[in-house]
């Protein structure tokens, strides 16, 4: 199932690419496992106090939250044992994410993300603010 989702994602990501560039991609940038890794990397950076970051713009953070959106979509698309395993891994990461963020009703991010400001975006990870804002926010 993960392979099927990754192939679908690869087709989407390469749809508007020049054929010579599309042919070079063997895996999607935002496939199931790579998205899980990106989410984990964000959480790790937050836990470690944004190491090696001279700046990390809020828009980079918003992009990382859209990766979490994609993971939710992958969970919804999967079934059986594969879904259980992905959900379990995501639950553990989300627990770590909650530990380095706090609920502010989306007040911080609503300044930068229109769907949140308009009350359209209500998923819990969008309504949390990092405990420590990174440099350049």
Protein backbone atom coordinates (compact mmCIF):
# COMPACT_ATOMS: atom_id res chain seq x y z
CA UNK A 1 0.00 0.00 0.00
CA UNK A 2 2.80 2.46 0.83
CA UNK A 3 4.39 1.78 -2.55
CA UNK A 4 1.11 2.53 -4.29
CA UNK A 5 0.69 5.79 -2.40
CA UNK A 6 4.29 6.74 -3.15
CA UNK A 7 3.81 6.02 -6.85
CA UNK A 8 0.68 8.17 -6.88
CA UNK A 9 2.56 10.94 -5.09
CA UNK A 10 5.51 10.67 -7.49
CA UNK A 11 3.14 11.04 -10.45
CA UNK A 12 1.64 14.14 -8.83
CA UNK A 13 5.04 15.67 -8.05
CA UNK A 14 6.41 15.07 -11.56
CA UNK A 15 3.24 15.98 -13.46
CA UNK A 16 4.37 19.49 -14.42
CA UNK A 17 8.12 18.79 -14.57
CA UNK A 18 10.17 18.69 -17.71
CA UNK A 19 10.47 15.02 -18.72
CA UNK A 20 14.26 14.98 -18.28
CA UNK A 21 13.89 16.09 -14.64
CA UNK A 22 10.91 13.87 -13.93
CA UNK A 23 12.85 10.84 -15.18
CA UNK A 24 15.54 11.50 -12.57
CA UNK A 25 13.15 11.20 -9.62
CA UNK A 26 12.80 7.65 -8.39
CA UNK A 27 10.96 8.46 -5.16
CA UNK A 28 8.54 11.23 -4.26
CA UNK A 29 9.83 14.09 -2.15
CA UNK A 30 6.74 13.88 0.04
CA UNK A 31 6.10 10.15 0.03
CA UNK A 32 4.84 8.30 3.07
CA UNK A 33 8.17 7.48 4.74
CA UNK A 34 9.94 10.65 3.64
CA UNK A 35 7.09 12.74 5.08
CA UNK A 36 7.34 10.84 8.34
CA UNK A 37 11.07 11.64 8.35
CA UNK A 38 10.45 15.34 7.65
CA UNK A 39 7.96 15.51 10.54
CA UNK A 40 10.43 13.76 12.82
CA UNK A 41 13.23 16.15 11.76
CA UNK A 42 11.11 19.19 12.63
CA UNK A 43 10.31 17.77 16.05
CA UNK A 44 13.95 16.87 16.68
CA UNK A 45 15.07 20.40 15.76
CA UNK A 46 12.48 21.84 18.14
CA UNK A 47 13.56 19.49 20.94
CA UNK A 48 17.20 20.47 20.45
CA UNK A 49 16.54 24.23 20.33
CA UNK A 50 16.81 24.65 16.56
CA UNK A 51 20.49 23.58 16.27
CA UNK A 52 22.51 24.96 13.39
CA UNK A 53 19.73 27.29 12.35
CA UNK A 54 20.73 30.91 11.85
CA UNK A 55 17.14 31.48 10.88
CA UNK A 56 14.02 29.42 10.32
CA UNK A 57 11.22 31.42 8.80
CA UNK A 58 7.67 30.93 9.92
CA UNK A 59 6.82 29.97 6.35
CA UNK A 60 9.20 27.02 6.57
CA UNK A 61 7.33 25.94 9.68
CA UNK A 62 4.00 26.30 7.88
CA UNK A 63 5.38 24.11 5.11
CA UNK A 64 6.36 21.50 7.70
CA UNK A 65 2.81 21.56 9.07
CA UNK A 66 1.49 20.81 5.58
CA UNK A 67 3.73 17.73 5.66
CA UNK A 68 1.80 16.68 8.78
CA UNK A 69 -1.42 17.28 6.82
CA UNK A 70 -0.16 14.86 4.18
CA UNK A 71 0.61 12.25 6.81
CA UNK A 72 -2.98 12.47 8.00
CA UNK A 73 -4.16 11.90 4.44
CA UNK A 74 -1.87 8.88 4.14
CA UNK A 75 -3.30 7.43 7.36
CA UNK A 76 -6.81 7.90 6.00
CA UNK A 77 -5.87 6.15 2.74
CA UNK A 78 -4.22 3.13 4.34
CA UNK A 79 -5.92 0.10 5.84
CA UNK A 80 -5.14 -2.78 8.14
CA UNK A 81 -1.72 -3.42 9.64
CA UNK A 82 0.03 -0.81 7.52
CA UNK A 83 -2.34 1.89 8.75
CA UNK A 84 -1.93 0.71 12.35
CA UNK A 85 1.86 0.87 12.10
CA UNK A 86 1.91 4.30 10.48
CA UNK A 87 -0.63 5.65 12.96
CA UNK A 88 1.38 4.25 15.86
CA UNK A 89 4.60 5.89 14.63
CA UNK A 90 2.77 9.14 14.01
CA UNK A 91 1.18 9.05 17.47
CA UNK A 92 4.63 8.78 19.07
CA UNK A 93 5.92 11.71 17.01
CA UNK A 94 2.82 13.77 17.76
CA UNK A 95 3.34 13.19 21.47
CA UNK A 96 6.84 14.64 21.12
CA UNK A 97 5.45 17.54 19.08
CA UNK A 98 2.93 18.34 21.81
CA UNK A 99 5.78 18.42 24.34
CA UNK A 100 7.62 21.19 22.44
CA UNK A 101 4.54 23.24 21.57
CA UNK A 102 1.59 24.68 23.41
CA UNK A 103 -2.01 25.31 22.49
CA UNK A 104 -2.71 28.95 21.68
CA UNK A 105 -5.84 28.46 19.59
CA UNK A 106 -3.81 29.25 16.49
CA UNK A 107 -3.21 32.87 17.50
CA UNK A 108 0.48 32.87 16.52
CA UNK A 109 0.13 31.10 13.18
CA UNK A 110 -3.10 32.87 12.19
CA UNK A 111 -0.94 35.94 11.55
CA UNK A 112 0.69 34.03 8.68
CA UNK A 113 -1.77 31.35 7.58
CA UNK A 114 -5.04 32.64 6.18
CA UNK A 115 -7.07 29.39 6.56
CA UNK A 116 -6.28 29.46 10.26
CA UNK A 117 -7.20 33.13 10.59
CA UNK A 118 -10.50 32.46 8.82
CA UNK A 119 -11.30 29.51 11.06
CA UNK A 120 -11.13 27.05 8.16
CA UNK A 121 -8.03 25.27 9.46
CA UNK A 122 -8.75 23.62 12.78
CA UNK A 123 -6.52 20.54 12.90
CA UNK A 124 -4.82 20.42 16.28
CA UNK A 125 -1.21 20.75 15.02
CA UNK A 126 -2.10 24.09 13.41
CA UNK A 127 -3.39 25.56 16.67
CA UNK A 128 -0.17 24.98 18.59
CA UNK A 129 2.77 27.38 18.91
CA UNK A 130 6.37 26.27 19.42
CA UNK A 131 7.45 26.79 23.03
CA UNK A 132 10.65 28.37 21.75
CA UNK A 133 10.43 30.31 18.52
CA UNK A 134 13.38 29.75 16.22
CA UNK A 135 15.73 32.53 15.10
CA UNK A 136 14.29 34.63 12.29
CA UNK A 137 10.67 33.80 13.01
